[in-house]
């Protein structure tokens, strides 16, 4: 019997817990996951290069690679890398879109362009990735500069902890924003990974 194809998911670290949950729930034992630092989102011009380097570092051991990123501010640079390397990614601009779904996200954005979005990951790490990374802890006056044009906070919840909504409310109150909670589940992340996991490998890597 032929051995099953080995598949690799190269993921944004902000999706690590969610991908691990999906992998365990679906028994995707032939899929491995390698994560890049979520802090790359602060420098999106570096995402495409980091993904390409990780593909080239690891792909010799795998039959197919999937990249768990949206475009994520790369302006098409990530898609150019994936075309060159023969890999694919989750459809969508960013995780907010693929969690909520394109139509629902478009409706949210149209209803209030001044919306700040949280996911489970960003809620758990809000102080480190937002308050500290933007220097607001050291220079509180920066909060008004960063968030002055926002009007509401939309929490897109994947698998929230029992106290998650209360934590999201505290963040909204801290920023002076209206809170909206949408329970999205894993959205397009789940469907994209399922398609990748269950699809037969039919082509070799590019030379």
N, C-alpha and C. Protein backbone atom coordinates (compact mmCIF):
# COMPACT_ATOMS: atom_id res chain seq x y z
N UNK A 1 0.84 -1.19 0.00
CA UNK A 1 0.00 0.00 0.00
C UNK A 1 0.87 1.24 0.00
N UNK A 2 0.48 2.24 -0.82
CA UNK A 2 1.23 3.49 -0.85
C UNK A 2 1.02 4.24 0.46
N UNK A 3 2.08 4.90 0.92
CA UNK A 3 1.96 5.73 2.11
C UNK A 3 1.11 6.94 1.78
N UNK A 4 0.32 7.42 2.76
CA UNK A 4 -0.49 8.61 2.50
C UNK A 4 0.40 9.82 2.25
N UNK A 5 -0.12 10.75 1.45
CA UNK A 5 0.63 11.97 1.16
C UNK A 5 0.85 12.77 2.44
N UNK A 6 2.05 13.30 2.57
CA UNK A 6 2.36 14.18 3.69
C UNK A 6 2.10 15.62 3.26
N UNK A 7 1.36 16.32 4.09
CA UNK A 7 0.97 17.69 3.76
C UNK A 7 1.40 18.63 4.88
N UNK A 8 1.77 19.84 4.48
CA UNK A 8 2.25 20.84 5.42
C UNK A 8 1.39 22.09 5.32
N UNK A 9 1.01 22.61 6.47
CA UNK A 9 0.36 23.91 6.55
C UNK A 9 1.34 24.89 7.16
N UNK A 10 1.65 25.94 6.43
CA UNK A 10 2.46 27.04 6.95
C UNK A 10 1.49 28.14 7.33
N UNK A 11 1.47 28.47 8.62
CA UNK A 11 0.39 29.30 9.14
C UNK A 11 0.90 30.54 9.85
N UNK A 12 0.08 31.56 9.82
CA UNK A 12 0.27 32.69 10.72
C UNK A 12 0.10 32.19 12.15
N UNK A 13 0.99 32.61 13.03
CA UNK A 13 0.89 32.18 14.42
C UNK A 13 -0.42 32.56 15.08
N UNK A 14 -1.11 33.55 14.53
CA UNK A 14 -2.41 33.95 15.09
C UNK A 14 -3.48 32.89 14.86
N UNK A 15 -3.21 31.91 14.00
CA UNK A 15 -4.17 30.85 13.70
C UNK A 15 -3.77 29.51 14.31
N UNK A 16 -2.69 29.48 15.06
CA UNK A 16 -2.14 28.20 15.52
C UNK A 16 -3.12 27.39 16.35
N UNK A 17 -3.76 28.02 17.34
CA UNK A 17 -4.68 27.28 18.20
C UNK A 17 -5.87 26.77 17.41
N UNK A 18 -6.38 27.59 16.52
CA UNK A 18 -7.56 27.20 15.73
C UNK A 18 -7.22 26.05 14.78
N UNK A 19 -6.06 26.10 14.15
CA UNK A 19 -5.66 25.01 13.25
C UNK A 19 -5.43 23.72 14.03
N UNK A 20 -4.82 23.83 15.20
CA UNK A 20 -4.62 22.64 16.03
C UNK A 20 -5.95 22.01 16.42
N UNK A 21 -6.94 22.84 16.75
CA UNK A 21 -8.26 22.32 17.11
C UNK A 21 -8.92 21.62 15.93
N UNK A 22 -8.83 22.22 14.75
CA UNK A 22 -9.41 21.61 13.57
C UNK A 22 -8.70 20.31 13.19
N UNK A 23 -7.39 20.32 13.31
CA UNK A 23 -6.61 19.12 12.98
C UNK A 23 -6.99 17.96 13.90
N UNK A 24 -7.13 18.25 15.18
CA UNK A 24 -7.49 17.20 16.14
C UNK A 24 -8.92 16.72 15.93
N UNK A 25 -9.84 17.65 15.71
CA UNK A 25 -11.24 17.28 15.57
C UNK A 25 -11.50 16.45 14.32
N UNK A 26 -10.70 16.68 13.27
CA UNK A 26 -10.92 15.98 12.01
C UNK A 26 -9.98 14.81 11.78
N UNK A 27 -9.05 14.58 12.71
CA UNK A 27 -8.13 13.46 12.57
C UNK A 27 -7.19 13.58 11.40
N UNK A 28 -6.74 14.80 11.12
CA UNK A 28 -5.83 15.02 9.98
C UNK A 28 -4.41 14.69 10.40
N UNK A 29 -4.14 13.42 10.59
CA UNK A 29 -2.84 13.00 11.14
C UNK A 29 -1.70 13.12 10.15
N UNK A 30 -1.99 13.24 8.86
CA UNK A 30 -0.92 13.36 7.87
C UNK A 30 -0.58 14.83 7.58
N UNK A 31 -1.17 15.74 8.34
CA UNK A 31 -0.88 17.16 8.16
C UNK A 31 -0.03 17.66 9.32
N UNK A 32 1.07 18.31 8.98
CA UNK A 32 1.90 19.00 9.97
C UNK A 32 1.69 20.50 9.81
N UNK A 33 1.99 21.23 10.88
CA UNK A 33 1.79 22.67 10.89
C UNK A 33 3.07 23.36 11.34
N UNK A 34 3.50 24.36 10.60
CA UNK A 34 4.64 25.21 10.98
C UNK A 34 4.15 26.65 10.99
N UNK A 35 4.38 27.35 12.09
CA UNK A 35 3.85 28.70 12.25
C UNK A 35 4.93 29.76 12.15
N UNK A 36 4.56 30.88 11.58
CA UNK A 36 5.39 32.07 11.56
C UNK A 36 4.89 33.04 12.62
N UNK A 37 5.74 33.94 13.11
CA UNK A 37 5.34 34.82 14.21
C UNK A 37 4.16 35.72 13.83
N UNK A 38 3.17 35.83 14.70
CA UNK A 38 2.04 36.72 14.40
C UNK A 38 2.46 38.18 14.30
N UNK A 39 3.58 38.53 14.90
CA UNK A 39 4.07 39.92 14.85
C UNK A 39 4.41 40.37 13.42
N UNK A 40 4.53 39.43 12.50
CA UNK A 40 4.76 39.81 11.10
C UNK A 40 3.66 40.74 10.58
N UNK A 41 2.50 40.68 11.18
CA UNK A 41 1.42 41.56 10.72
C UNK A 41 1.73 43.03 10.96
N UNK A 42 2.65 43.30 11.85
CA UNK A 42 3.07 44.69 12.03
C UNK A 42 3.99 45.15 10.90
N UNK A 43 4.53 44.20 10.14
CA UNK A 43 5.39 44.51 8.99
C UNK A 43 4.97 43.64 7.81
N UNK A 44 3.79 43.90 7.25
CA UNK A 44 3.25 43.01 6.22
C UNK A 44 4.13 42.86 4.99
N UNK A 45 5.01 43.84 4.76
CA UNK A 45 5.92 43.72 3.61
C UNK A 45 6.90 42.57 3.78
N UNK A 46 6.99 42.02 4.98
CA UNK A 46 7.91 40.90 5.23
C UNK A 46 7.23 39.53 5.15
N UNK A 47 5.90 39.51 5.05
CA UNK A 47 5.18 38.24 5.12
C UNK A 47 5.52 37.34 3.93
N UNK A 48 5.48 37.87 2.72
CA UNK A 48 5.72 37.04 1.53
C UNK A 48 7.10 36.40 1.58
N UNK A 49 8.11 37.17 1.93
CA UNK A 49 9.46 36.62 2.00
C UNK A 49 9.60 35.56 3.07
N UNK A 50 8.96 35.79 4.22
CA UNK A 50 9.03 34.81 5.31
C UNK A 50 8.34 33.51 4.93
N UNK A 51 7.19 33.63 4.25
CA UNK A 51 6.48 32.43 3.80
C UNK A 51 7.32 31.68 2.77
N UNK A 52 7.89 32.39 1.83
CA UNK A 52 8.70 31.73 0.81
C UNK A 52 9.90 31.01 1.43
N UNK A 53 10.55 31.65 2.37
CA UNK A 53 11.70 31.02 3.03
C UNK A 53 11.28 29.76 3.77
N UNK A 54 10.11 29.78 4.42
CA UNK A 54 9.65 28.61 5.15
C UNK A 54 9.26 27.48 4.20
N UNK A 55 8.64 27.81 3.08
CA UNK A 55 8.32 26.79 2.08
C UNK A 55 9.59 26.10 1.60
N UNK A 56 10.59 26.89 1.26
CA UNK A 56 11.82 26.32 0.73
C UNK A 56 12.59 25.54 1.78
N UNK A 57 12.46 25.94 3.03
CA UNK A 57 13.13 25.22 4.11
C UNK A 57 12.52 23.84 4.34
N UNK A 58 11.19 23.72 4.21
CA UNK A 58 10.51 22.52 4.68
C UNK A 58 9.91 21.63 3.60
N UNK A 59 9.75 22.12 2.38
CA UNK A 59 8.91 21.39 1.44
C UNK A 59 9.49 20.06 0.98
N UNK A 60 10.78 19.83 1.13
CA UNK A 60 11.36 18.57 0.67
C UNK A 60 10.73 17.37 1.36
N UNK A 61 10.20 17.57 2.55
CA UNK A 61 9.60 16.45 3.28
C UNK A 61 8.12 16.25 3.04
N UNK A 62 7.53 17.03 2.11
CA UNK A 62 6.08 17.02 1.95
C UNK A 62 5.68 16.94 0.49
N UNK A 63 4.45 16.44 0.30
CA UNK A 63 3.90 16.32 -1.05
C UNK A 63 3.08 17.54 -1.46
N UNK A 64 2.63 18.33 -0.50
CA UNK A 64 1.83 19.53 -0.80
C UNK A 64 1.93 20.48 0.38
N UNK A 65 1.81 21.76 0.07
CA UNK A 65 1.88 22.80 1.10
C UNK A 65 0.70 23.75 0.93
N UNK A 66 0.10 24.08 2.07
CA UNK A 66 -0.99 25.06 2.13
C UNK A 66 -0.55 26.19 3.04
N UNK A 67 -0.86 27.42 2.66
CA UNK A 67 -0.46 28.59 3.43
C UNK A 67 -1.69 29.21 4.08
N UNK A 68 -1.71 29.20 5.40
CA UNK A 68 -2.84 29.73 6.16
C UNK A 68 -2.63 31.20 6.46
N UNK A 69 -2.73 31.98 5.40
CA UNK A 69 -2.74 33.44 5.44
C UNK A 69 -3.79 33.91 4.44
N UNK A 70 -4.36 35.08 4.69
CA UNK A 70 -5.00 35.82 3.62
C UNK A 70 -3.92 36.62 2.90
N UNK A 71 -4.34 37.61 2.13
CA UNK A 71 -3.32 38.48 1.55
C UNK A 71 -2.60 39.25 2.66
N UNK A 72 -3.34 39.64 3.69
CA UNK A 72 -2.77 40.20 4.93
C UNK A 72 -1.88 41.42 4.69
N UNK A 73 -2.31 42.27 3.78
CA UNK A 73 -1.59 43.52 3.57
C UNK A 73 -0.37 43.41 2.70
N UNK A 74 -0.17 42.28 2.01
CA UNK A 74 1.02 42.13 1.17
C UNK A 74 0.84 42.74 -0.22
N UNK A 75 -0.36 43.19 -0.53
CA UNK A 75 -0.61 43.82 -1.83
C UNK A 75 -0.37 42.90 -3.01
N UNK A 76 -0.66 41.61 -2.85
CA UNK A 76 -0.47 40.65 -3.92
C UNK A 76 0.89 39.98 -3.94
N UNK A 77 1.82 40.44 -3.10
CA UNK A 77 3.16 39.84 -3.08
C UNK A 77 3.12 38.38 -2.62
N UNK A 78 2.23 38.07 -1.67
CA UNK A 78 2.13 36.69 -1.21
C UNK A 78 1.63 35.78 -2.33
N UNK A 79 0.65 36.23 -3.08
CA UNK A 79 0.13 35.41 -4.18
C UNK A 79 1.21 35.17 -5.24
N UNK A 80 2.05 36.17 -5.48
CA UNK A 80 3.13 35.98 -6.45
C UNK A 80 4.11 34.91 -5.98
N UNK A 81 4.42 34.92 -4.69
CA UNK A 81 5.30 33.89 -4.12
C UNK A 81 4.66 32.51 -4.24
N UNK A 82 3.39 32.41 -3.92
CA UNK A 82 2.73 31.10 -3.95
C UNK A 82 2.62 30.56 -5.36
N UNK A 83 2.42 31.44 -6.33
CA UNK A 83 2.41 30.99 -7.72
C UNK A 83 3.78 30.45 -8.12
N UNK A 84 4.82 31.10 -7.66
CA UNK A 84 6.19 30.65 -7.96
C UNK A 84 6.50 29.32 -7.29
N UNK A 85 6.00 29.15 -6.07
CA UNK A 85 6.35 27.96 -5.29
C UNK A 85 5.36 26.81 -5.46
N UNK A 86 4.25 27.03 -6.15
CA UNK A 86 3.28 25.97 -6.36
C UNK A 86 2.46 25.63 -5.14
N UNK A 87 2.17 26.63 -4.31
CA UNK A 87 1.36 26.44 -3.12
C UNK A 87 0.08 27.27 -3.24
N UNK A 88 -0.83 27.09 -2.30
CA UNK A 88 -2.09 27.82 -2.29
C UNK A 88 -2.32 28.40 -0.91
N UNK A 89 -3.29 29.30 -0.81
CA UNK A 89 -3.61 29.91 0.48
C UNK A 89 -5.12 29.98 0.67
N UNK A 90 -5.52 30.43 1.85
CA UNK A 90 -6.94 30.66 2.11
C UNK A 90 -7.42 31.83 1.26
N UNK A 91 -8.55 31.71 0.58
CA UNK A 91 -9.07 32.86 -0.15
C UNK A 91 -9.44 33.98 0.82
N UNK A 92 -9.21 35.21 0.41
CA UNK A 92 -9.62 36.34 1.23
C UNK A 92 -8.51 37.31 1.50
N UNK A 93 -8.91 38.47 1.98
CA UNK A 93 -7.97 39.55 2.23
C UNK A 93 -7.24 39.36 3.54
N UNK A 94 -7.95 38.88 4.56
CA UNK A 94 -7.37 38.73 5.90
C UNK A 94 -8.26 37.79 6.70
N UNK A 95 -7.84 37.50 7.93
CA UNK A 95 -8.57 36.51 8.74
C UNK A 95 -9.97 37.00 9.11
N UNK A 96 -10.16 38.31 9.24
CA UNK A 96 -11.50 38.80 9.56
C UNK A 96 -12.47 38.41 8.46
N UNK A 97 -12.03 38.51 7.21
CA UNK A 97 -12.90 38.17 6.10
C UNK A 97 -13.16 36.67 6.04
N UNK A 98 -12.12 35.84 6.20
CA UNK A 98 -12.40 34.41 6.04
C UNK A 98 -13.08 33.81 7.26
N UNK A 99 -12.96 34.43 8.43
CA UNK A 99 -13.76 33.97 9.57
C UNK A 99 -15.22 34.36 9.39
N UNK A 100 -15.49 35.61 9.08
CA UNK A 100 -16.87 36.08 8.97
C UNK A 100 -17.55 35.60 7.70
N UNK A 101 -16.75 35.34 6.65
CA UNK A 101 -17.29 35.06 5.33
C UNK A 101 -17.32 36.35 4.53
N UNK A 102 -17.01 36.28 3.23
CA UNK A 102 -16.89 37.50 2.42
C UNK A 102 -18.12 38.40 2.45
N UNK A 103 -19.30 37.81 2.33
CA UNK A 103 -20.52 38.62 2.28
C UNK A 103 -20.79 39.30 3.61
N UNK A 104 -20.68 38.55 4.70
CA UNK A 104 -20.95 39.13 6.02
C UNK A 104 -19.89 40.18 6.37
N UNK A 105 -18.63 39.91 6.02
CA UNK A 105 -17.60 40.91 6.32
C UNK A 105 -17.84 42.18 5.52
N UNK A 106 -18.20 42.04 4.26
CA UNK A 106 -18.48 43.22 3.43
C UNK A 106 -19.63 44.03 4.02
N UNK A 107 -20.64 43.34 4.54
CA UNK A 107 -21.77 44.04 5.15
C UNK A 107 -21.34 44.77 6.42
N UNK A 108 -20.50 44.13 7.22
CA UNK A 108 -20.00 44.79 8.43
C UNK A 108 -19.19 46.04 8.08
N UNK A 109 -18.32 45.91 7.09
CA UNK A 109 -17.46 47.03 6.70
C UNK A 109 -18.29 48.17 6.10
N UNK A 110 -19.31 47.82 5.34
CA UNK A 110 -20.14 48.86 4.72
C UNK A 110 -20.99 49.57 5.76
N UNK A 111 -21.48 48.82 6.75
CA UNK A 111 -22.32 49.42 7.78
C UNK A 111 -21.56 50.42 8.63
N UNK A 112 -20.28 50.14 8.88
CA UNK A 112 -19.46 51.05 9.67
C UNK A 112 -18.00 50.90 9.27
N UNK A 113 -17.51 51.76 8.38
CA UNK A 113 -16.11 51.66 7.97
C UNK A 113 -15.14 51.84 9.14
N UNK A 114 -15.54 52.58 10.14
CA UNK A 114 -14.66 52.80 11.29
C UNK A 114 -14.79 51.70 12.31
N UNK A 115 -14.46 50.48 11.90
CA UNK A 115 -14.59 49.32 12.77
C UNK A 115 -13.23 48.71 13.06
N UNK A 116 -12.99 48.44 14.32
CA UNK A 116 -11.80 47.70 14.75
C UNK A 116 -12.25 46.28 15.06
N UNK A 117 -11.50 45.29 14.51
CA UNK A 117 -11.91 43.90 14.63
C UNK A 117 -11.01 43.14 15.60
N UNK A 118 -11.63 42.26 16.35
CA UNK A 118 -10.90 41.32 17.21
C UNK A 118 -11.28 39.90 16.84
N UNK A 119 -10.30 39.00 16.91
CA UNK A 119 -10.54 37.56 16.86
C UNK A 119 -10.24 36.99 18.25
N UNK A 120 -10.44 35.71 18.43
CA UNK A 120 -10.08 35.09 19.72
C UNK A 120 -8.62 35.33 20.03
N UNK A 121 -7.76 35.14 19.04
CA UNK A 121 -6.32 35.32 19.26
C UNK A 121 -6.00 36.75 19.66
N UNK A 122 -6.51 37.70 18.91
CA UNK A 122 -6.17 39.09 19.19
C UNK A 122 -6.75 39.53 20.54
N UNK A 123 -7.89 39.01 20.91
CA UNK A 123 -8.45 39.31 22.22
C UNK A 123 -7.55 38.79 23.33
N UNK A 124 -7.08 37.54 23.17
CA UNK A 124 -6.20 36.97 24.21
C UNK A 124 -4.91 37.75 24.36
N UNK A 125 -4.42 38.32 23.28
CA UNK A 125 -3.10 38.97 23.29
C UNK A 125 -3.21 40.47 23.03
N UNK A 126 -4.34 41.05 23.37
CA UNK A 126 -4.58 42.45 23.02
C UNK A 126 -3.53 43.39 23.61
N UNK A 127 -3.24 43.22 24.88
CA UNK A 127 -2.28 44.13 25.51
C UNK A 127 -0.91 44.06 24.83
N UNK A 128 -0.45 42.83 24.55
CA UNK A 128 0.89 42.68 23.96
C UNK A 128 0.93 43.15 22.51
N UNK A 129 -0.05 42.75 21.72
CA UNK A 129 0.01 43.00 20.28
C UNK A 129 -0.54 44.36 19.86
N UNK A 130 -1.32 44.98 20.73
CA UNK A 130 -1.88 46.29 20.39
C UNK A 130 -1.34 47.37 21.33
N UNK A 131 -1.64 47.25 22.60
CA UNK A 131 -1.27 48.32 23.53
C UNK A 131 0.25 48.47 23.64
N UNK A 132 0.95 47.36 23.82
CA UNK A 132 2.41 47.44 23.95
C UNK A 132 3.08 47.65 22.60
N UNK A 133 2.63 46.92 21.58
CA UNK A 133 3.28 47.03 20.27
C UNK A 133 3.15 48.42 19.67
N UNK A 134 2.04 49.10 19.95
CA UNK A 134 1.83 50.45 19.44
C UNK A 134 2.36 51.53 20.37
N UNK A 135 2.90 51.11 21.52
CA UNK A 135 3.49 52.07 22.44
C UNK A 135 2.49 52.82 23.29
N UNK A 136 1.23 52.38 23.31
CA UNK A 136 0.20 53.09 24.07
C UNK A 136 0.44 52.95 25.57
N UNK A 137 1.04 51.83 25.99
CA UNK A 137 1.33 51.68 27.42
C UNK A 137 2.33 52.72 27.90
N UNK A 138 3.23 53.12 27.02
CA UNK A 138 4.26 54.11 27.39
C UNK A 138 3.85 55.53 27.06
N UNK A 139 2.98 55.67 26.07
CA UNK A 139 2.56 57.00 25.63
C UNK A 139 1.04 56.97 25.44
N UNK A 140 0.28 57.08 26.52
CA UNK A 140 -1.18 56.92 26.44
C UNK A 140 -1.87 57.86 25.44
N UNK A 141 -1.25 59.00 25.16
CA UNK A 141 -1.86 59.93 24.22
C UNK A 141 -1.96 59.35 22.81
N UNK A 142 -1.17 58.30 22.53
CA UNK A 142 -1.23 57.68 21.21
C UNK A 142 -2.55 56.97 20.95
N UNK A 143 -3.25 56.59 22.02
CA UNK A 143 -4.51 55.87 21.81
C UNK A 143 -5.49 56.69 20.97
N UNK A 144 -5.60 57.97 21.26
CA UNK A 144 -6.52 58.82 20.50
C UNK A 144 -6.08 58.93 19.05
N UNK A 145 -4.77 58.93 18.81
CA UNK A 145 -4.28 59.03 17.44
C UNK A 145 -4.58 57.76 16.64
N UNK A 146 -4.39 56.61 17.29
CA UNK A 146 -4.62 55.34 16.60
C UNK A 146 -6.10 55.02 16.43
N UNK A 147 -6.91 55.35 17.44
CA UNK A 147 -8.29 54.87 17.46
C UNK A 147 -9.33 55.98 17.35
N UNK A 148 -8.89 57.21 17.14
CA UNK A 148 -9.82 58.32 17.11
C UNK A 148 -10.86 58.25 16.02
N UNK A 149 -10.57 57.57 14.92
CA UNK A 149 -11.52 57.49 13.81
C UNK A 149 -12.37 56.22 13.83
N UNK A 150 -12.16 55.37 14.83
CA UNK A 150 -12.99 54.17 14.96
C UNK A 150 -14.27 54.51 15.72
N UNK A 151 -15.32 53.79 15.39
CA UNK A 151 -16.61 54.00 16.04
C UNK A 151 -17.10 52.76 16.78
N UNK A 152 -16.67 51.59 16.33
CA UNK A 152 -17.13 50.38 17.00
C UNK A 152 -16.07 49.30 16.95
N UNK A 153 -16.21 48.32 17.82
CA UNK A 153 -15.35 47.14 17.86
C UNK A 153 -16.22 45.92 17.58
N UNK A 154 -15.84 45.15 16.58
CA UNK A 154 -16.54 43.91 16.27
C UNK A 154 -15.66 42.74 16.69
N UNK A 155 -16.16 41.96 17.62
CA UNK A 155 -15.46 40.76 18.07
C UNK A 155 -16.00 39.57 17.29
N UNK A 156 -15.14 39.02 16.42
CA UNK A 156 -15.47 37.81 15.65
C UNK A 156 -14.98 36.63 16.44
N UNK A 157 -15.89 35.88 17.04
CA UNK A 157 -15.54 34.83 18.00
C UNK A 157 -15.51 33.47 17.31
N UNK A 158 -14.37 32.76 17.44
CA UNK A 158 -14.24 31.43 16.85
C UNK A 158 -14.67 30.34 17.84
N UNK A 159 -13.97 30.19 18.93
CA UNK A 159 -14.31 29.24 19.99
C UNK A 159 -14.02 29.93 21.31
N UNK A 160 -14.84 30.91 21.66
CA UNK A 160 -14.49 31.80 22.76
C UNK A 160 -14.52 31.13 24.12
N UNK A 161 -13.62 31.56 24.99
CA UNK A 161 -13.63 31.14 26.38
C UNK A 161 -14.85 31.74 27.07
N UNK A 162 -15.26 31.18 28.22
CA UNK A 162 -16.47 31.68 28.89
C UNK A 162 -16.43 33.17 29.20
N UNK A 163 -15.25 33.70 29.48
CA UNK A 163 -15.16 35.12 29.85
C UNK A 163 -14.78 36.01 28.67
N UNK A 164 -14.80 35.48 27.45
CA UNK A 164 -14.29 36.23 26.30
C UNK A 164 -15.14 37.47 26.00
N UNK A 165 -16.46 37.34 26.07
CA UNK A 165 -17.29 38.50 25.75
C UNK A 165 -17.07 39.62 26.76
N UNK A 166 -16.93 39.25 28.02
CA UNK A 166 -16.65 40.27 29.04
C UNK A 166 -15.30 40.94 28.78
N UNK A 167 -14.32 40.15 28.36
CA UNK A 167 -13.00 40.71 28.04
C UNK A 167 -13.09 41.64 26.83
N UNK A 168 -13.88 41.25 25.82
CA UNK A 168 -14.05 42.10 24.64
C UNK A 168 -14.75 43.40 25.03
N UNK A 169 -15.69 43.31 25.97
CA UNK A 169 -16.38 44.53 26.41
C UNK A 169 -15.41 45.48 27.10
N UNK A 170 -14.47 44.94 27.88
CA UNK A 170 -13.47 45.79 28.54
C UNK A 170 -12.58 46.49 27.51
N UNK A 171 -12.21 45.75 26.46
CA UNK A 171 -11.40 46.36 25.40
C UNK A 171 -12.18 47.49 24.73
N UNK A 172 -13.44 47.22 24.41
CA UNK A 172 -14.28 48.24 23.76
C UNK A 172 -14.41 49.48 24.65
N UNK A 173 -14.63 49.26 25.93
CA UNK A 173 -14.77 50.39 26.85
C UNK A 173 -13.45 51.16 26.96
N UNK A 174 -12.35 50.44 26.99
CA UNK A 174 -11.05 51.11 27.06
C UNK A 174 -10.83 52.01 25.85
N UNK A 175 -11.26 51.55 24.67
CA UNK A 175 -11.07 52.32 23.45
C UNK A 175 -12.21 53.29 23.16
N UNK A 176 -13.25 53.24 23.98
CA UNK A 176 -14.39 54.12 23.77
C UNK A 176 -15.23 53.75 22.56
N UNK A 177 -15.37 52.45 22.30
CA UNK A 177 -16.06 51.98 21.11
C UNK A 177 -17.29 51.16 21.47
N UNK A 178 -18.28 51.19 20.60
CA UNK A 178 -19.44 50.31 20.72
C UNK A 178 -18.98 48.88 20.45
N UNK A 179 -19.51 47.91 21.19
CA UNK A 179 -19.15 46.50 20.99
C UNK A 179 -20.24 45.77 20.23
N UNK A 180 -19.81 45.01 19.21
CA UNK A 180 -20.68 44.08 18.49
C UNK A 180 -19.99 42.72 18.53
N UNK A 181 -20.73 41.66 18.88
CA UNK A 181 -20.17 40.31 18.96
C UNK A 181 -20.81 39.45 17.88
N UNK A 182 -19.97 38.81 17.08
CA UNK A 182 -20.45 37.87 16.07
C UNK A 182 -19.74 36.53 16.28
N UNK A 183 -20.50 35.48 16.49
CA UNK A 183 -19.92 34.14 16.64
C UNK A 183 -19.80 33.52 15.26
N UNK A 184 -18.59 33.50 14.75
CA UNK A 184 -18.35 33.05 13.38
C UNK A 184 -17.95 31.58 13.28
N UNK A 185 -17.46 30.99 14.39
CA UNK A 185 -16.80 29.70 14.27
C UNK A 185 -15.51 29.87 13.47
N UNK A 186 -15.08 28.79 12.83
CA UNK A 186 -13.81 28.83 12.09
C UNK A 186 -13.96 29.26 10.63
N UNK A 187 -15.19 29.40 10.17
CA UNK A 187 -15.45 29.99 8.85
C UNK A 187 -14.63 29.37 7.74
N UNK A 188 -14.08 30.25 6.91
CA UNK A 188 -13.30 29.81 5.75
C UNK A 188 -12.02 29.11 6.09
N UNK A 189 -11.51 29.30 7.30
CA UNK A 189 -10.32 28.54 7.72
C UNK A 189 -10.64 27.06 7.73
N UNK A 190 -11.79 26.70 8.29
CA UNK A 190 -12.17 25.28 8.37
C UNK A 190 -12.41 24.70 6.98
N UNK A 191 -13.17 25.40 6.15
CA UNK A 191 -13.50 24.84 4.84
C UNK A 191 -12.26 24.74 3.94
N UNK A 192 -11.35 25.72 4.02
CA UNK A 192 -10.14 25.67 3.20
C UNK A 192 -9.22 24.55 3.63
N UNK A 193 -9.06 24.37 4.93
CA UNK A 193 -8.20 23.29 5.41
C UNK A 193 -8.80 21.92 5.10
N UNK A 194 -10.11 21.80 5.20
CA UNK A 194 -10.76 20.53 4.88
C UNK A 194 -10.53 20.17 3.42
N UNK A 195 -10.68 21.16 2.54
CA UNK A 195 -10.46 20.91 1.12
C UNK A 195 -9.02 20.47 0.86
N UNK A 196 -8.07 21.14 1.49
CA UNK A 196 -6.66 20.79 1.32
C UNK A 196 -6.36 19.41 1.89
N UNK A 197 -6.89 19.13 3.06
CA UNK A 197 -6.60 17.86 3.73
C UNK A 197 -7.14 16.66 2.96
N UNK A 198 -8.29 16.82 2.35
CA UNK A 198 -8.97 15.68 1.74
C UNK A 198 -8.74 15.55 0.25
N UNK A 199 -8.08 16.53 -0.35
CA UNK A 199 -7.84 16.50 -1.80
C UNK A 199 -6.66 15.62 -2.12
N UNK A 200 -6.75 14.71 -3.09
CA UNK A 200 -5.58 13.91 -3.47
C UNK A 200 -4.48 14.80 -4.05
N UNK A 201 -3.24 14.41 -3.82
CA UNK A 201 -2.10 15.12 -4.41
C UNK A 201 -1.92 14.61 -5.83
N UNK A 202 -2.00 15.51 -6.79
CA UNK A 202 -1.96 15.08 -8.19
C UNK A 202 -0.80 15.65 -8.98
N UNK A 203 0.04 16.51 -8.34
CA UNK A 203 1.13 17.08 -9.09
C UNK A 203 2.37 17.19 -8.21
N UNK A 204 3.49 17.25 -8.86
CA UNK A 204 4.74 17.37 -8.12
C UNK A 204 5.07 18.84 -7.89
N UNK A 205 6.02 19.08 -6.99
CA UNK A 205 6.51 20.43 -6.74
C UNK A 205 7.16 20.99 -8.00
N UNK A 206 7.11 22.31 -8.16
CA UNK A 206 7.86 22.90 -9.28
C UNK A 206 9.36 22.68 -9.11
N UNK A 207 10.06 22.64 -10.23
CA UNK A 207 11.51 22.46 -10.17
C UNK A 207 12.16 23.69 -9.58
